Every structure is written in C-alpha cells, then in structure tokens.
C-alpha atoms as a PDB file:
ATOM      1  CA  MET A   1       0.213   0.135  -0.067  1.00  0.00           C
ATOM      2  CA  VAL A   2       1.364   3.382  -1.057  1.00  0.00           C
ATOM      3  CA  LEU A   3      -0.079   6.796   0.436  1.00  0.00           C
ATOM      4  CA  GLY A   4       0.553   9.578  -1.414  1.00  0.00           C
ATOM      5  CA  ALA A   5       0.526   7.862  -4.810  1.00  0.00           C
ATOM      6  CA  THR A   6       0.067  10.447  -7.325  1.00  0.00           C
ATOM      7  CA  GLY A   7       2.643  12.515  -5.812  1.00  0.00           C
ATOM      8  CA  GLN A   8       5.910  13.317  -7.537  1.00  0.00           C
ATOM      9  CA  ILE A   9       7.673  10.370  -5.538  1.00  0.00           C
ATOM     10  CA  GLY A  10       4.494   8.167  -5.330  1.00  0.00           C
ATOM     11  CA  ARG A  11       3.982   7.952  -9.214  1.00  0.00           C
ATOM     12  CA  PRO A  12       7.813   6.243  -9.679  1.00  0.00           C
ATOM     13  CA  ALA A  13       7.552   3.952  -6.324  1.00  0.00           C
ATOM     14  CA  VAL A  14       4.284   2.573  -7.314  1.00  0.00           C
ATOM     15  CA  ASP A  15       5.518   1.623 -10.750  1.00  0.00           C
ATOM     16  CA  ALA A  16       8.847   0.303  -9.467  1.00  0.00           C
ATOM     17  CA  LEU A  17       7.118  -1.845  -6.604  1.00  0.00           C
ATOM     18  CA  ALA A  18       4.532  -3.156  -9.244  1.00  0.00           C
ATOM     19  CA  ARG A  19       7.030  -4.164 -11.900  1.00  0.00           C
ATOM     20  CA  ASP A  20       8.940  -5.746  -9.140  1.00  0.00           C
ATOM     21  CA  GLY A  21       5.790  -8.157  -8.445  1.00  0.00           C
ATOM     22  CA  TRP A  22       4.136  -6.445  -5.419  1.00  0.00           C
ATOM     23  CA  GLU A  23       0.431  -6.376  -5.446  1.00  0.00           C
ATOM     24  CA  VAL A  24       0.122  -2.532  -4.969  1.00  0.00           C
ATOM     25  CA  THR A  25      -2.748  -0.300  -3.710  1.00  0.00           C
ATOM     26  CA  ALA A  26      -2.018   3.286  -4.904  1.00  0.00           C
ATOM     27  CA  VAL A  27      -3.612   5.502  -1.967  1.00  0.00           C
ATOM     28  CA  SER A  28      -4.369   9.119  -2.567  1.00  0.00           C
ATOM     29  CA  ARG A  29      -6.985  12.086  -1.934  1.00  0.00           C
ATOM     30  CA  GLY A  30      -8.064  12.028  -5.317  1.00  0.00           C
ATOM     31  CA  GLY A  31      -7.902   8.332  -6.072  1.00  0.00           C
ATOM     32  CA  GLY A  32      -6.406   8.723  -9.371  1.00  0.00           C
ATOM     33  CA  ARG A  33      -3.871   6.815 -11.277  1.00  0.00           C
ATOM     34  CA  ASP A  34      -0.662   7.611 -13.324  1.00  0.00           C
ATOM     35  CA  GLU A  35      -1.058   6.608 -16.811  1.00  0.00           C
ATOM     36  CA  GLY A  36       2.216   4.706 -17.095  1.00  0.00           C
ATOM     37  CA  TRP A  37       1.382   2.340 -14.031  1.00  0.00           C
ATOM     38  CA  PRO A  38       0.864  -1.405 -14.667  1.00  0.00           C
ATOM     39  CA  GLU A  39      -2.881  -2.413 -15.184  1.00  0.00           C
ATOM     40  CA  ALA A  40      -2.742  -4.497 -12.176  1.00  0.00           C
ATOM     41  CA  VAL A  41      -2.151  -1.573  -9.650  1.00  0.00           C
ATOM     42  CA  ARG A  42      -5.287  -1.150  -7.790  1.00  0.00           C
ATOM     43  CA  VAL A  43      -6.366   2.522  -6.600  1.00  0.00           C
ATOM     44  CA  ALA A  44      -8.322   3.702  -3.264  1.00  0.00           C
ATOM     45  CA  ARG A  45      -9.401   7.339  -2.476  1.00  0.00           C
ATOM     46  CA  VAL A  46      -8.650   7.988   1.092  1.00  0.00           C
ATOM     47  CA  ASP A  47      -7.536  11.541   2.947  1.00  0.00           C
ATOM     48  CA  ARG A  48      -4.988  10.139   5.263  1.00  0.00           C
ATOM     49  CA  ALA A  49      -5.990  12.667   8.105  1.00  0.00           C
ATOM     50  CA  ASP A  50      -9.404  10.206   8.352  1.00  0.00           C
ATOM     51  CA  ASP A  51      -8.078   7.683  10.555  1.00  0.00           C
ATOM     52  CA  ALA A  52     -11.085   5.435  10.036  1.00  0.00           C
ATOM     53  CA  ALA A  53     -10.778   5.778   6.496  1.00  0.00           C
ATOM     54  CA  LEU A  54      -7.008   4.849   6.477  1.00  0.00           C
ATOM     55  CA  ALA A  55      -7.820   1.887   8.541  1.00  0.00           C
ATOM     56  CA  ALA A  56     -10.450   0.820   6.600  1.00  0.00           C
ATOM     57  CA  VAL A  57      -8.649   0.766   3.432  1.00  0.00           C
ATOM     58  CA  VAL A  58      -5.777  -1.041   5.159  1.00  0.00           C
ATOM     59  CA  GLY A  59      -8.555  -3.771   5.707  1.00  0.00           C
ATOM     60  CA  ASP A  60      -7.215  -7.001   6.927  1.00  0.00           C
ATOM     61  CA  GLY A  61      -3.437  -5.982   6.360  1.00  0.00           C
ATOM     62  CA  CYS A  62      -0.660  -5.509   4.403  1.00  0.00           C
ATOM     63  CA  ASP A  63       3.025  -6.625   4.043  1.00  0.00           C
ATOM     64  CA  VAL A  64       4.236  -3.323   3.325  1.00  0.00           C
ATOM     65  CA  LEU A  65       3.328   0.220   3.785  1.00  0.00           C
ATOM     66  CA  VAL A  66       4.757   2.915   1.880  1.00  0.00           C
ATOM     67  CA  ASP A  67       3.991   6.671   3.279  1.00  0.00           C
ATOM     68  CA  MET A  68       5.217   9.779   1.323  1.00  0.00           C
ATOM     69  CA  VAL A  69       3.537  12.370   3.002  1.00  0.00           C
ATOM     70  CA  ALA A  70       3.760  11.706   6.709  1.00  0.00           C
ATOM     71  CA  TYR A  71       5.554  14.354   9.190  1.00  0.00           C
ATOM     72  CA  GLY A  72       4.974  15.117  12.642  1.00  0.00           C
ATOM     73  CA  THR A  73       4.015  12.675  15.625  1.00  0.00           C
ATOM     74  CA  GLU A  74       0.445  12.264  14.860  1.00  0.00           C
ATOM     75  CA  HIS A  75       1.002  10.844  11.540  1.00  0.00           C
ATOM     76  CA  ALA A  76       3.493   8.492  13.323  1.00  0.00           C
ATOM     77  CA  ARG A  77       0.842   7.184  15.852  1.00  0.00           C
ATOM     78  CA  GLN A  78      -1.301   6.685  12.957  1.00  0.00           C
ATOM     79  CA  LEU A  79       0.800   4.536  11.443  1.00  0.00           C
ATOM     80  CA  THR A  80       1.960   2.676  14.502  1.00  0.00           C
ATOM     81  CA  SER A  81      -1.662   1.881  15.336  1.00  0.00           C
ATOM     82  CA  LEU A  82      -1.986   0.014  12.262  1.00  0.00           C
ATOM     83  CA  ALA A  83       1.387  -2.047  13.618  1.00  0.00           C
ATOM     84  CA  GLY A  84      -0.809  -5.495  14.012  1.00  0.00           C
ATOM     85  CA  ARG A  85      -1.792  -5.324  10.372  1.00  0.00           C
ATOM     86  CA  VAL A  86       0.932  -3.867   8.723  1.00  0.00           C
ATOM     87  CA  GLY A  87       4.302  -5.911   8.177  1.00  0.00           C
ATOM     88  CA  SER A  88       6.931  -3.281   7.950  1.00  0.00           C
ATOM     89  CA  ALA A  89       6.800   0.587   6.541  1.00  0.00           C
ATOM     90  CA  VAL A  90       8.953   2.673   4.463  1.00  0.00           C
ATOM     91  CA  VAL A  91       8.407   6.388   5.145  1.00  0.00           C
ATOM     92  CA  ILE A  92       9.849   9.515   3.681  1.00  0.00           C
ATOM     93  CA  SER A  93      11.865  11.955   5.638  1.00  0.00           C
ATOM     94  CA  SER A  94      14.351  14.661   4.677  1.00  0.00           C
ATOM     95  CA  VAL A  95      17.649  15.857   4.884  1.00  0.00           C
ATOM     96  CA  SER A  96      16.490  19.079   6.553  1.00  0.00           C
ATOM     97  CA  LEU A  97      16.563  17.700  10.041  1.00  0.00           C
ATOM     98  CA  TYR A  98      20.395  17.596  10.272  1.00  0.00           C
ATOM     99  CA  GLU A  99      22.130  20.087  12.499  1.00  0.00           C
ATOM    100  CA  ASP A 100      25.725  20.927  12.866  1.00  0.00           C
ATOM    101  CA  ASP A 101      27.625  20.562  15.901  1.00  0.00           C
ATOM    102  CA  LYS A 102      27.218  23.788  17.056  1.00  0.00           C
ATOM    103  CA  GLY A 103      23.334  23.248  16.710  1.00  0.00           C
ATOM    104  CA  ARG A 104      23.083  25.229  13.448  1.00  0.00           C
ATOM    105  CA  ASN A 105      20.445  23.690  11.099  1.00  0.00           C
ATOM    106  CA  PHE A 106      17.873  24.748   8.277  1.00  0.00           C
ATOM    107  CA  ASP A 107      15.769  26.565  10.805  1.00  0.00           C
ATOM    108  CA  THR A 108      18.270  28.876  11.877  1.00  0.00           C
ATOM    109  CA  GLN A 109      19.880  29.752   8.248  1.00  0.00           C
ATOM    110  CA  GLY A 110      18.286  33.195   8.191  1.00  0.00           C
ATOM    111  CA  GLU A 111      20.374  34.343  11.287  1.00  0.00           C
ATOM    112  CA  PRO A 112      23.739  35.492  11.170  1.00  0.00           C
ATOM    113  CA  ASP A 113      26.259  32.900  10.808  1.00  0.00           C
ATOM    114  CA  GLY A 114      23.403  30.691  11.253  1.00  0.00           C
ATOM    115  CA  PHE A 115      23.705  28.376   8.020  1.00  0.00           C
ATOM    116  CA  PRO A 116      24.833  24.709   9.173  1.00  0.00           C
ATOM    117  CA  ALA A 117      28.604  23.765   8.638  1.00  0.00           C
ATOM    118  CA  TYR A 118      27.814  20.096   7.870  1.00  0.00           C
ATOM    119  CA  PRO A 119      30.791  17.520   7.805  1.00  0.00           C
ATOM    120  CA  VAL A 120      31.079  16.171   3.616  1.00  0.00           C
ATOM    121  CA  PRO A 121      29.662  13.846   3.518  1.00  0.00           C
ATOM    122  CA  LEU A 122      26.694  13.680   5.750  1.00  0.00           C
ATOM    123  CA  THR A 123      26.165  10.365   7.294  1.00  0.00           C
ATOM    124  CA  GLU A 124      23.038   9.079   9.308  1.00  0.00           C
ATOM    125  CA  ASP A 125      25.158   9.425  12.375  1.00  0.00           C
ATOM    126  CA  GLN A 126      25.036  13.247  12.392  1.00  0.00           C
ATOM    127  CA  ARG A 127      23.052  14.926  15.113  1.00  0.00           C
ATOM    128  CA  THR A 128      19.421  16.153  14.180  1.00  0.00           C
ATOM    129  CA  VAL A 129      17.317  18.823  15.376  1.00  0.00           C
ATOM    130  CA  ARG A 130      14.924  18.372  18.484  1.00  0.00           C
ATOM    131  CA  PRO A 131      11.763  16.937  17.722  1.00  0.00           C
ATOM    132  CA  GLY A 132       8.726  19.199  17.958  1.00  0.00           C
ATOM    133  CA  ASP A 133       5.785  20.892  16.552  1.00  0.00           C
ATOM    134  CA  ALA A 134       7.898  24.317  15.612  1.00  0.00           C
ATOM    135  CA  SER A 135       8.942  23.287  11.884  1.00  0.00           C
ATOM    136  CA  TYR A 136       8.786  21.210   9.113  1.00  0.00           C
ATOM    137  CA  SER A 137      12.098  20.065  10.133  1.00  0.00           C
ATOM    138  CA  THR A 138      11.335  19.424  14.100  1.00  0.00           C
ATOM    139  CA  ARG A 139       8.193  17.478  12.692  1.00  0.00           C
ATOM    140  CA  LYS A 140      10.045  15.206  10.791  1.00  0.00           C
ATOM    141  CA  ALA A 141      12.320  14.639  13.380  1.00  0.00           C
ATOM    142  CA  ALA A 142       9.419  13.912  15.809  1.00  0.00           C
ATOM    143  CA  LEU A 143       8.041  11.269  13.068  1.00  0.00           C
ATOM    144  CA  GLU A 144      11.336   9.466  13.110  1.00  0.00           C
ATOM    145  CA  ARG A 145      11.431   9.451  17.161  1.00  0.00           C
ATOM    146  CA  GLU A 146       8.091   7.729  17.392  1.00  0.00           C
ATOM    147  CA  LEU A 147       8.618   5.615  14.649  1.00  0.00           C
ATOM    148  CA  LEU A 148      12.019   4.258  15.442  1.00  0.00           C
ATOM    149  CA  ALA A 149      10.610   3.659  19.347  1.00  0.00           C
ATOM    150  CA  ALA A 150       8.028   1.268  17.820  1.00  0.00           C
ATOM    151  CA  GLY A 151      10.485  -0.605  15.684  1.00  0.00           C
ATOM    152  CA  ASP A 152       9.957  -3.864  17.693  1.00  0.00           C
ATOM    153  CA  ARG A 153       6.098  -3.415  16.812  1.00  0.00           C
ATOM    154  CA  LEU A 154       6.244  -1.731  13.264  1.00  0.00           C
ATOM    155  CA  PRO A 155      10.102  -2.102  11.701  1.00  0.00           C
ATOM    156  CA  THR A 156      10.227   1.106   9.572  1.00  0.00           C
ATOM    157  CA  THR A 157      12.892   2.545   6.908  1.00  0.00           C
ATOM    158  CA  LEU A 158      12.954   6.340   7.167  1.00  0.00           C
ATOM    159  CA  LEU A 159      14.427   7.628   4.063  1.00  0.00           C
ATOM    160  CA  ARG A 160      16.296  10.939   4.374  1.00  0.00           C
ATOM    161  CA  ALA A 161      15.435  12.717   1.112  1.00  0.00           C
ATOM    162  CA  GLY A 162      17.886  15.778  -0.186  1.00  0.00           C
ATOM    163  CA  ALA A 163      16.742  18.416  -2.852  1.00  0.00           C
ATOM    164  CA  ILE A 164      13.868  16.168  -4.500  1.00  0.00           C
ATOM    165  CA  HIS A 165      13.540  16.443  -8.417  1.00  0.00           C
ATOM    166  CA  GLY A 166      11.733  15.182 -11.274  1.00  0.00           C
ATOM    167  CA  PRO A 167       8.076  15.740 -12.972  1.00  0.00           C
ATOM    168  CA  HIS A 168       5.136  16.475 -11.088  1.00  0.00           C
ATOM    169  CA  CYS A 169       7.245  18.385  -8.423  1.00  0.00           C
ATOM    170  CA  GLN A 170       5.133  21.493  -6.967  1.00  0.00           C
ATOM    171  CA  THR A 171       8.393  22.988  -5.956  1.00  0.00           C
ATOM    172  CA  PRO A 172      10.957  22.607  -8.395  1.00  0.00           C
ATOM    173  CA  ARG A 173      14.375  24.169  -8.140  1.00  0.00           C
ATOM    174  CA  GLU A 174      15.094  23.529 -11.742  1.00  0.00           C
ATOM    175  CA  LEU A 175      12.448  26.353 -12.463  1.00  0.00           C
ATOM    176  CA  TYR A 176      14.613  28.919 -11.530  1.00  0.00           C
ATOM    177  CA  PHE A 177      16.802  28.204 -15.141  1.00  0.00           C
ATOM    178  CA  VAL A 178      14.444  27.133 -17.275  1.00  0.00           C
ATOM    179  CA  LYS A 179      12.139  30.491 -16.669  1.00  0.00           C
ATOM    180  CA  ARG A 180      14.983  32.385 -17.298  1.00  0.00           C
ATOM    181  CA  ASN A 181      16.097  30.586 -20.491  1.00  0.00           C
ATOM    182  CA  LEU A 182      12.608  30.889 -21.616  1.00  0.00           C
ATOM    183  CA  ASP A 183      12.710  34.582 -20.898  1.00  0.00           C
ATOM    184  CA  GLY A 184      15.743  35.145 -22.782  1.00  0.00           C
ATOM    185  CA  ARG A 185      17.803  36.176 -20.087  1.00  0.00           C
ATOM    186  CA  THR A 186      21.658  35.498 -21.264  1.00  0.00           C
ATOM    187  CA  ARG A 187      23.280  36.267 -17.920  1.00  0.00           C
ATOM    188  CA  ARG A 188      22.689  34.776 -14.609  1.00  0.00           C
ATOM    189  CA  ILE A 189      24.195  35.844 -11.383  1.00  0.00           C
ATOM    190  CA  LEU A 190      25.517  33.053  -8.835  1.00  0.00           C
ATOM    191  CA  PRO A 191      26.434  34.047  -5.470  1.00  0.00           C
ATOM    192  CA  PHE A 192      29.131  31.832  -3.084  1.00  0.00           C
ATOM    193  CA  GLY A 193      31.182  31.754  -6.634  1.00  0.00           C
ATOM    194  CA  GLY A 194      28.767  29.058  -8.334  1.00  0.00           C
ATOM    195  CA  GLY A 195      29.908  26.728  -5.803  1.00  0.00           C
ATOM    196  CA  SER A 196      27.043  25.977  -3.908  1.00  0.00           C
ATOM    197  CA  ARG A 197      25.914  22.318  -3.225  1.00  0.00           C
ATOM    198  CA  PHE A 198      22.835  20.991  -2.453  1.00  0.00           C
ATOM    199  CA  HIS A 199      22.470  17.141  -2.757  1.00  0.00           C
ATOM    200  CA  PRO A 200      19.797  16.502  -4.938  1.00  0.00           C
ATOM    201  CA  ALA A 201      17.366  13.317  -5.072  1.00  0.00           C
ATOM    202  CA  SER A 202      15.901  12.172  -8.091  1.00  0.00           C
ATOM    203  CA  VAL A 203      12.321  10.632  -7.680  1.00  0.00           C
ATOM    204  CA  HIS A 204      13.864   7.513  -9.439  1.00  0.00           C
ATOM    205  CA  THR A 205      16.463   7.160  -6.970  1.00  0.00           C
ATOM    206  CA  ILE A 206      14.150   7.368  -4.099  1.00  0.00           C
ATOM    207  CA  ALA A 207      11.567   4.904  -5.810  1.00  0.00           C
ATOM    208  CA  GLU A 208      14.496   2.424  -6.186  1.00  0.00           C
ATOM    209  CA  LEU A 209      15.476   2.827  -2.257  1.00  0.00           C
ATOM    210  CA  ILE A 210      11.656   2.218  -1.810  1.00  0.00           C
ATOM    211  CA  ARG A 211      11.788  -0.939  -3.728  1.00  0.00           C
ATOM    212  CA  LEU A 212      14.725  -2.271  -1.977  1.00  0.00           C
ATOM    213  CA  ALA A 213      13.438  -1.518   1.476  1.00  0.00           C
ATOM    214  CA  ALA A 214      10.478  -3.053   0.719  1.00  0.00           C
ATOM    215  CA  ALA A 215      11.743  -6.324   0.444  1.00  0.00           C
ATOM    216  CA  ARG A 216      14.136  -5.870   3.224  1.00  0.00           C
ATOM    217  CA  PRO A 217      12.256  -4.934   6.465  1.00  0.00           C
ATOM    218  CA  GLY A 218      14.128  -3.368   9.202  1.00  0.00           C
ATOM    219  CA  SER A 219      14.198  -0.361  11.467  1.00  0.00           C
ATOM    220  CA  ARG A 220      16.663   2.360  10.402  1.00  0.00           C
ATOM    221  CA  VAL A 221      16.992   5.557   8.610  1.00  0.00           C
ATOM    222  CA  LEU A 222      18.879   6.047   5.449  1.00  0.00           C
ATOM    223  CA  ASN A 223      19.919   8.769   3.080  1.00  0.00           C
ATOM    224  CA  ALA A 224      18.299   9.336  -0.067  1.00  0.00           C
ATOM    225  CA  VAL A 225      20.136  11.407  -2.592  1.00  0.00           C
ATOM    226  CA  ASP A 226      21.317  10.677  -6.153  1.00  0.00           C
ATOM    227  CA  PRO A 227      25.209   9.462  -6.597  1.00  0.00           C
ATOM    228  CA  ASP A 228      26.487  12.997  -8.040  1.00  0.00           C
ATOM    229  CA  ALA A 229      26.153  16.462  -6.210  1.00  0.00           C
ATOM    230  CA  PRO A 230      26.760  18.963  -8.955  1.00  0.00           C
ATOM    231  CA  THR A 231      27.561  22.644  -7.912  1.00  0.00           C
ATOM    232  CA  VAL A 232      24.822  25.205  -8.778  1.00  0.00           C
ATOM    233  CA  ALA A 233      26.871  26.531 -11.507  1.00  0.00           C
ATOM    234  CA  GLU A 234      27.224  22.892 -13.122  1.00  0.00           C
ATOM    235  CA  ILE A 235      22.961  22.401 -12.655  1.00  0.00           C
ATOM    236  CA  ALA A 236      22.763  25.925 -14.499  1.00  0.00           C
ATOM    237  CA  GLY A 237      25.016  24.425 -17.448  1.00  0.00           C
ATOM    238  CA  ALA A 238      23.416  21.143 -17.602  1.00  0.00           C
ATOM    239  CA  ILE A 239      19.753  22.792 -17.907  1.00  0.00           C
ATOM    240  CA  ASP A 240      20.968  25.364 -20.656  1.00  0.00           C
ATOM    241  CA  ALA A 241      22.430  22.217 -22.558  1.00  0.00           C
ATOM    242  CA  VAL A 242      19.064  20.623 -22.311  1.00  0.00           C
ATOM    243  CA  MET A 243      17.121  23.719 -23.569  1.00  0.00           C
ATOM    244  CA  GLY A 244      20.083  24.408 -26.272  1.00  0.00           C
ATOM    245  CA  VAL A 245      21.003  27.906 -24.973  1.00  0.00           C
ATOM    246  CA  GLU A 246      24.158  29.618 -23.848  1.00  0.00           C
ATOM    247  CA  THR A 247      24.178  31.555 -20.631  1.00  0.00           C
ATOM    248  CA  GLU A 248      26.900  33.736 -18.930  1.00  0.00           C
ATOM    249  CA  SER A 249      27.335  33.130 -15.325  1.00  0.00           C
ATOM    250  CA  VAL A 250      28.399  36.124 -13.313  1.00  0.00           C
ATOM    251  CA  LEU A 251      29.977  34.482 -10.007  1.00  0.00           C
ATOM    252  CA  VAL A 252      29.775  36.631  -7.085  1.00  0.00           C
ATOM    253  CA  ASP A 253      31.981  35.953  -4.192  1.00  0.00           C
ATOM    254  CA  GLY A 254      29.677  35.728  -0.993  1.00  0.00           C
ATOM    255  CA  PRO A 255      26.262  35.662  -0.659  1.00  0.00           C
ATOM    256  CA  PRO A 256      23.501  37.281  -3.026  1.00  0.00           C
ATOM    257  CA  PRO A 257      24.424  40.737  -3.527  1.00  0.00           C
ATOM    258  CA  ALA A 258      20.466  42.167  -2.950  1.00  0.00           C
ATOM    259  CA  PRO A 259      17.501  40.408  -1.327  1.00  0.00           C
ATOM    260  CA  THR A 260      16.276  39.173  -4.755  1.00  0.00           C
ATOM    261  CA  VAL A 261      19.464  39.198  -6.960  1.00  0.00           C
ATOM    262  CA  GLY A 262      21.188  36.017  -7.554  1.00  0.00           C
ATOM    263  CA  ASP A 263      19.389  34.224  -4.635  1.00  0.00           C
ATOM    264  CA  THR A 264      18.761  30.749  -6.231  1.00  0.00           C
ATOM    265  CA  PRO A 265      17.061  27.842  -4.756  1.00  0.00           C
ATOM    266  CA  TRP A 266      20.645  26.081  -4.534  1.00  0.00           C
ATOM    267  CA  SER A 267      22.542  29.173  -2.942  1.00  0.00           C
ATOM    268  CA  VAL A 268      23.975  27.721   0.422  1.00  0.00           C
ATOM    269  CA  PRO A 269      27.118  29.006   1.780  1.00  0.00           C
ATOM    270  CA  ALA A 270      28.500  25.859   2.801  1.00  0.00           C
ATOM    271  CA  PRO A 271      27.918  22.175   1.200  1.00  0.00           C
ATOM    272  CA  VAL A 272      25.025  19.875   1.792  1.00  0.00           C
ATOM    273  CA  VAL A 273      26.385  16.571   0.630  1.00  0.00           C
ATOM    274  CA  CYS A 274      24.999  13.144   1.709  1.00  0.00           C
ATOM    275  CA  ALA A 275      26.838   9.785   1.924  1.00  0.00           C
ATOM    276  CA  MET A 276      25.032   6.661   0.484  1.00  0.00           C
ATOM    277  CA  SER A 277      27.151   4.028   2.082  1.00  0.00           C
ATOM    278  CA  ALA A 278      24.652   3.127   4.584  1.00  0.00           C
ATOM    279  CA  ALA A 279      21.921   2.439   1.920  1.00  0.00           C
ATOM    280  CA  GLU A 280      24.654   0.583  -0.145  1.00  0.00           C
ATOM    281  CA  ARG A 281      25.383  -1.649   2.824  1.00  0.00           C
ATOM    282  CA  GLU A 282      21.769  -2.264   4.139  1.00  0.00           C
ATOM    283  CA  LEU A 283      19.959  -2.724   1.086  1.00  0.00           C
ATOM    284  CA  GLY A 284      22.485  -3.539  -1.558  1.00  0.00           C
ATOM    285  CA  TYR A 285      21.590  -0.008  -3.090  1.00  0.00           C
ATOM    286  CA  ARG A 286      23.326   1.020  -6.659  1.00  0.00           C
ATOM    287  CA  PRO A 287      22.639   3.982  -8.312  1.00  0.00           C
ATOM    288  CA  VAL A 288      20.076   3.863 -11.082  1.00  0.00           C
ATOM    289  CA  VAL A 289      20.097   7.609 -12.557  1.00  0.00           C
ATOM    290  CA  ARG A 290      22.581  10.660 -12.485  1.00  0.00           C
ATOM    291  CA  TYR A 291      21.168  14.036 -12.196  1.00  0.00           C
ATOM    292  CA  ALA A 292      21.811  15.347 -15.734  1.00  0.00           C
ATOM    293  CA  GLU A 293      19.981  12.324 -16.972  1.00  0.00           C
ATOM    294  CA  THR A 294      16.682  13.088 -15.495  1.00  0.00           C
ATOM    295  CA  LEU A 295      16.837  16.743 -16.594  1.00  0.00           C
ATOM    296  CA  PRO A 296      15.140  16.326 -20.074  1.00  0.00           C
ATOM    297  CA  ASP A 297      11.815  14.912 -18.389  1.00  0.00           C
ATOM    298  CA  THR A 298      11.798  17.537 -15.456  1.00  0.00           C
ATOM    299  CA  VAL A 299      12.740  20.556 -18.031  1.00  0.00           C
ATOM    300  CA  ALA A 300       9.833  19.452 -20.235  1.00  0.00           C
ATOM    301  CA  TRP A 301       7.566  19.054 -17.267  1.00  0.00           C
ATOM    302  CA  ILE A 302       8.247  22.621 -16.323  1.00  0.00           C
ATOM    303  CA  GLU A 303       7.902  23.970 -19.798  1.00  0.00           C
ATOM    304  CA  ARG A 304       4.495  22.347 -19.957  1.00  0.00           C
ATOM    305  CA  ARG A 305       3.162  23.687 -16.917  1.00  0.00           C
ATOM    306  CA  LEU A 306       4.451  27.118 -17.355  1.00  0.00           C
ATOM    307  CA  ALA A 307       2.780  27.424 -21.091  1.00  0.00           C
ATOM    308  CA  GLY A 308       0.745  30.569 -21.060  1.00  0.00           C
ATOM    309  CA  ARG A 309       0.447  30.852 -17.441  1.00  0.00           C
ATOM    310  CA  ASP A 310       2.240  33.049 -15.049  1.00  0.00           C
ATOM    311  CA  TRP A 311       4.755  31.161 -12.857  1.00  0.00           C
ATOM    312  CA  ARG A 312       3.000  32.188  -9.644  1.00  0.00           C
ATOM    313  CA  GLU A 313       0.057  30.636 -10.571  1.00  0.00           C
ATOM    314  CA  ALA A 314       1.760  27.395 -12.149  1.00  0.00           C
ATOM    315  CA  TYR A 315       3.887  26.959  -8.907  1.00  0.00           C
ATOM    316  CA  PRO A 316       2.119  28.606  -6.139  1.00  0.00           C
ATOM    317  CA  LYS A 317       4.106  26.657  -3.312  1.00  0.00           C
ATOM    318  CA  MET A 318       7.408  27.690  -5.177  1.00  0.00           C
ATOM    319  CA  PHE A 319       6.564  31.378  -4.810  1.00  0.00           C
ATOM    320  CA  GLN A 320       5.407  30.869  -0.760  1.00  0.00           C
ATOM    321  CA  THR A 321       8.665  29.185  -0.360  1.00  0.00           C
ATOM    322  CA  TYR A 322      11.118  31.490  -2.183  1.00  0.00           C
ATOM    323  CA  GLY A 323       9.193  34.607  -2.968  1.00  0.00           C
ATOM    324  CA  ASP A 324       9.975  36.516  -5.985  1.00  0.00           C
ATOM    325  CA  LEU A 325      12.741  34.761  -7.755  1.00  0.00           C
ATOM    326  CA  PHE A 326      12.694  36.724 -11.197  1.00  0.00           C
ATOM    327  CA  ASP A 327      13.003  40.444 -10.207  1.00  0.00           C
ATOM    328  CA  TYR A 328      14.731  41.106 -13.325  1.00  0.00           C
ATOM    329  CA  ALA A 329      14.549  45.160 -12.775  1.00  0.00           C
ATOM    330  CA  ALA A 330      16.387  44.447  -9.703  1.00  0.00           C
ATOM    331  CA  GLU A 331      18.775  42.134 -11.376  1.00  0.00           C
ATOM    332  CA  ASP A 332      19.586  44.638 -14.421  1.00  0.00           C
ATOM    333  CA  ALA A 333      20.153  47.582 -12.004  1.00  0.00           C
ATOM    334  CA  TRP A 334      22.775  45.558  -9.919  1.00  0.00           C
ATOM    335  CA  LEU A 335      24.155  44.515 -13.124  1.00  0.00           C
ATOM    336  CA  GLU A 336      24.473  47.842 -14.866  1.00  0.00           C
ATOM    337  CA  ALA A 337      25.739  49.372 -11.255  1.00  0.00           C
END
C-alpha cells in the first residue's frame, strides 16, 4: 500500500514496486492513477487525515505500507496504530532535520552565521534537530523518533531525502533556470562563486530505495540522494544544454548581492552533501540514475506547466517558499551598477 501515490515520488514508487512483483494499492486523496502504471495496480481514494478511512483501506492488512506524506507525531502514531496489520513501513523523511555540532540547522539559516557547517559527506550518525511542532524539520524529527521507538512492533525504514527533483514536483528548483532561459535572460548571477552544493535526490533514486527497503524490512534511517552532488553552476549549465541555450554566469564571492538578486534555490554558503554508504550496505543499493540524465523530463514538465501561465499561478508553493525569484529589474540595475 502506497500513501500519497499520485505525488511526485509516489508515481515512480508505485511503478517500481508493481514491476518488482508486488500487488500494489495506490492510495491518494483523489483516487487517481498514473497512465504509466501497470493495469494490475489498484487505486483507492482516502484522505490520510481520516484515521477510520485509512484503517478501512488497510483492511485485514498489508505486507508493506509506504508513506510519502507523513510528518509529525500524529502521523507516526497513526501508522503505529496499524502495527498489528502492517508488516513493515517505508516512510519519507528529510535531510533538513540534520544540524551541525554547533546546533545550526535549516531553521537557523536566516540568522547571522546561522547556516550549518556540515561534514562532507553527511552520514546518518550526524545529530538532528530536537523533535517538536515548531517547523517542518522538527516535525520530521518527531516522526522519526516515534517510528523508531516502535520498531519492535512496526519495522520502519526512514528515507532522508535531499533536494527532490523530477516531474510533478510542486516546488522544482530547476524552475529558476528554466524560466530564465524561456524569458531570454543571457546572464545569471550566482553567489558563493557558483559553488553551492545542495545534494539532489531524483524521484527515481528514491523509488529504487523504496523498492529495496520493501523487500528488506528493518528499523533504520538512510540518506536518499543521487550519486552525484553538482554545484549550482553545473546544474545551470546542464539545464542550458537541455534547452539548447548559452548563458553567461556572473560569479559573486559571498552571498547574494541583494535580496532578489542571484538568490537561487540552491544558493547555500556551505555544502549539503550526503553519504549513501549505509543504503549500499543495508539494502544493496546501487545508483540507477544521475542528475543530468533526468533533466530532459524535468525541464519538459516545467515548460508544459508554464505554457501560457504566470509562474506564480503555475507554482504557487514555489512563490510561497522562495518569494520573487525573477526580479529582473533589480538584477539589471545591479549588473549595470
């Protein structure tokens, strides 16, 4: 059973599990199905906030429950309440819950010197934020704590995903460069010398980890990222190559020079790069795709969604998360100065 089956990770995960021989029930609020799924995939319409409805669709039980959208103590307890009817679980978590040895994390990054200085690469042994209800990261930490504590009743693999990318994403970081290219912008400003690295995680990478974890139940946390962690300059160049354009990169030492100038979704002052050795050891994971190989599908999806629409209408969550990413007037003024 896959909860959140029609989301960006759920679609390839359902496909990977079905093609691996599982009998899959794809659960979502809309009850829809992806055109690429095998016909044998069953669909169910359930709002996971409805405990009774979720328990009903689980019915007499399932071998594996995969949850794409869980976070917070309430969702963890909802899952553990099904322990007698669920063999094991695979749940998506996030690298955002890591913090450095000085207590800096993604929640403190807006403070002076608040961005964490993580070791490279980050392993699953790195300390995490304190569980709570204050933020997305603390709620993911709370989710992990509850599920790991119930590992004897419900073995759960928690996958700490990096910067997720692929079609159907509601907040695609690639939008930043795709739209600029569509708008004919011939120069881009990249802070931190274009060297920012925020480890990407393809939906296909995560789907493969889900497939492997489903067949190897256990109580564990594992990073879930691609085999490569390109710099923001490399990402921009790869998107240019897919779109057949040439763009000049104006590299700036240090942070973005103005609030809406050069502040890309990858612009971090210190690298966020994760190790995959634990997944290799525990699941037998081997890379299935590299970042640049996935870009044609991602770029095509973004272009179709933008066609004839304001980007804020096409991607409202992107605007809510990052604000005005395309303040060309401010950018031109800075370049001219």
